[in-house]
Each structure stands twice: as structure tokens, then as C-alpha cells.
Amino acid sequence: MQVVAEVYETDVGLVEVGQKATIRSRNGAFDQELTGTVKEIALQIFKNNVLDDDPAANADARIVEVDITVDQPEVIDSLTNLQVDVVIEVDQANSKKIAPDT
């Protein structure tokens, strides 16, 4: 099972294959916090598909899609196109939220 995170183009330089990620349901589709690993970073920049609930959010931001393999696929194996929040660990000493919406 894969999660596709939309990472701002300004932050994608911090992301590397193999980094750990935390995945949370935005709307309560699952209760537990899932984990995963960055599998692939796209080479193309897109306009973000997922709009934030925050009216001040940058709707015209450019993103790079980052594929994350989920460690607990059985939790979400019947769910598709689910909106989640992803935190990618860019530094072992501290995590920074770099995927605005997925």
C-alpha cells in the first residue's frame, strides 16, 4: 500500500529515499498513527491537487509527489483516495512537517 505525499518544491530537497514517515488520518478514517518509508521521489513538479482547509494556504503552490510505502497496509487496504497528513523525518534528531496535504 502506498501513500502519495505532495511535498512543496521548496522542501523536496530535504527528502531522500529511505527516510521514515508518519501518516495520520485527516478525517478519522483510521485511529492509529501509521508509519512508512519514502520509496520514490518524482522528477516532475505539479500544481497541488489537494487544497488545504486554511483559507490563507497557498493554492497555487508547486509540489513534487513522494511515494511512501506504508508499514501497516492492512489498516488501510480497503481505503483508496483517502486524505491524510504526512510527516517525513528529515533529521533523526527532529522531525519537520514537510508534506502539507496528501
Protein backbone atom coordinates (compact mmCIF):
# COMPACT_ATOMS: atom_id res chain seq x y z
CA MET A 1 0.00 0.00 0.00
CA GLN A 2 1.29 3.43 -0.96
CA VAL A 3 0.66 6.98 0.18
CA VAL A 4 1.44 9.79 -2.25
CA ALA A 5 2.57 12.89 -0.37
CA GLU A 6 2.55 16.28 -2.07
CA VAL A 7 5.75 17.99 -0.91
CA TYR A 8 6.33 21.67 -1.67
CA GLU A 9 9.03 22.11 -4.32
CA THR A 10 10.91 24.34 -1.86
CA ASP A 11 11.13 21.44 0.64
CA VAL A 12 11.69 18.47 -1.66
CA GLY A 13 15.48 18.87 -1.43
CA LEU A 14 15.19 17.75 2.20
CA VAL A 15 13.55 14.45 1.25
CA GLU A 16 15.55 11.30 0.48
CA VAL A 17 14.60 7.74 -0.38
CA GLY A 18 14.65 5.64 2.81
CA GLN A 19 13.51 8.36 5.21
CA LYS A 20 10.80 7.42 7.70
CA ALA A 21 7.34 8.97 7.62
CA THR A 22 4.35 9.17 9.93
CA ILE A 23 0.84 9.05 8.46
CA ARG A 24 -2.31 10.27 10.21
CA SER A 25 -5.90 10.27 9.02
CA ARG A 26 -7.15 13.77 8.43
CA ASN A 27 -10.83 12.82 8.81
CA GLY A 28 -10.76 9.89 11.24
CA ALA A 29 -10.83 7.07 8.67
CA PHE A 30 -8.38 5.17 10.91
CA ASP A 31 -7.43 5.80 14.53
CA GLN A 32 -3.83 4.74 14.80
CA GLU A 33 -0.75 6.55 13.58
CA LEU A 34 0.84 4.66 10.69
CA THR A 35 4.47 4.58 9.67
CA GLY A 36 6.15 4.24 6.31
CA THR A 37 9.28 4.76 4.27
CA VAL A 38 9.96 7.09 1.36
CA LYS A 39 10.22 4.83 -1.69
CA GLU A 40 10.38 7.26 -4.61
CA ILE A 41 10.58 10.98 -5.32
CA ALA A 42 9.03 12.11 -8.60
CA LEU A 43 11.08 14.08 -11.09
CA GLN A 44 8.26 16.37 -12.20
CA ILE A 45 6.76 19.40 -10.49
CA PHE A 46 2.97 19.68 -10.40
CA LYS A 47 0.34 22.11 -9.17
CA ASN A 48 -1.02 20.80 -5.87
CA ASN A 49 -4.19 18.70 -6.19
CA VAL A 50 -5.16 18.74 -2.54
CA LEU A 51 -6.30 22.07 -1.20
CA ASP A 52 -5.83 22.93 2.46
CA ASP A 53 -8.75 23.85 4.71
CA ASP A 54 -6.85 27.00 5.67
CA PRO A 55 -8.09 29.94 3.55
CA ALA A 56 -4.61 31.51 3.81
CA ALA A 57 -2.94 28.41 2.32
CA ASN A 58 -1.10 28.81 -0.96
CA ALA A 59 -3.50 27.26 -3.51
CA ASP A 60 -1.02 27.84 -6.36
CA ALA A 61 1.92 26.09 -4.69
CA ARG A 62 4.03 23.75 -6.77
CA ILE A 63 4.63 20.26 -5.41
CA VAL A 64 6.59 17.09 -6.06
CA GLU A 65 4.88 13.75 -5.46
CA VAL A 66 6.68 11.48 -2.99
CA ASP A 67 5.67 7.80 -2.77
CA ILE A 68 5.69 6.31 0.71
CA THR A 69 5.32 2.58 1.40
CA VAL A 70 3.06 2.01 4.41
CA ASP A 71 4.34 -0.41 7.10
CA GLN A 72 0.80 -1.40 8.22
CA PRO A 73 -1.06 -1.84 4.90
CA GLU A 74 -3.79 -3.97 6.49
CA VAL A 75 -5.14 -0.88 8.30
CA ILE A 76 -5.89 0.95 5.05
CA ASP A 77 -6.07 -1.83 2.44
CA SER A 78 -9.79 -1.19 1.80
CA LEU A 79 -9.39 2.60 1.58
CA THR A 80 -8.49 4.48 -1.58
CA ASN A 81 -8.08 8.21 -2.26
CA LEU A 82 -8.01 8.85 1.47
CA GLN A 83 -6.76 12.28 2.55
CA VAL A 84 -4.01 12.04 5.17
CA ASP A 85 -1.36 14.19 6.79
CA VAL A 86 2.24 13.04 6.44
CA VAL A 87 5.33 13.98 8.43
CA ILE A 88 8.64 12.96 6.85
CA GLU A 89 11.61 12.71 9.19
CA VAL A 90 14.26 14.82 7.53
CA ASP A 91 16.62 14.71 10.50
CA GLN A 92 16.84 11.93 13.08
CA ALA A 93 17.06 14.47 15.93
CA ASN A 94 13.90 16.29 14.93
CA SER A 95 11.01 15.81 12.52
CA LYS A 96 9.64 18.58 10.38
CA LYS A 97 6.27 18.54 8.66
CA ILE A 98 7.10 18.99 5.01
CA ALA A 99 4.14 17.38 3.25
CA PRO A 100 1.25 19.84 3.51
CA ASP A 101 -1.51 17.55 2.27
CA THR A 102 -1.62 14.16 0.72
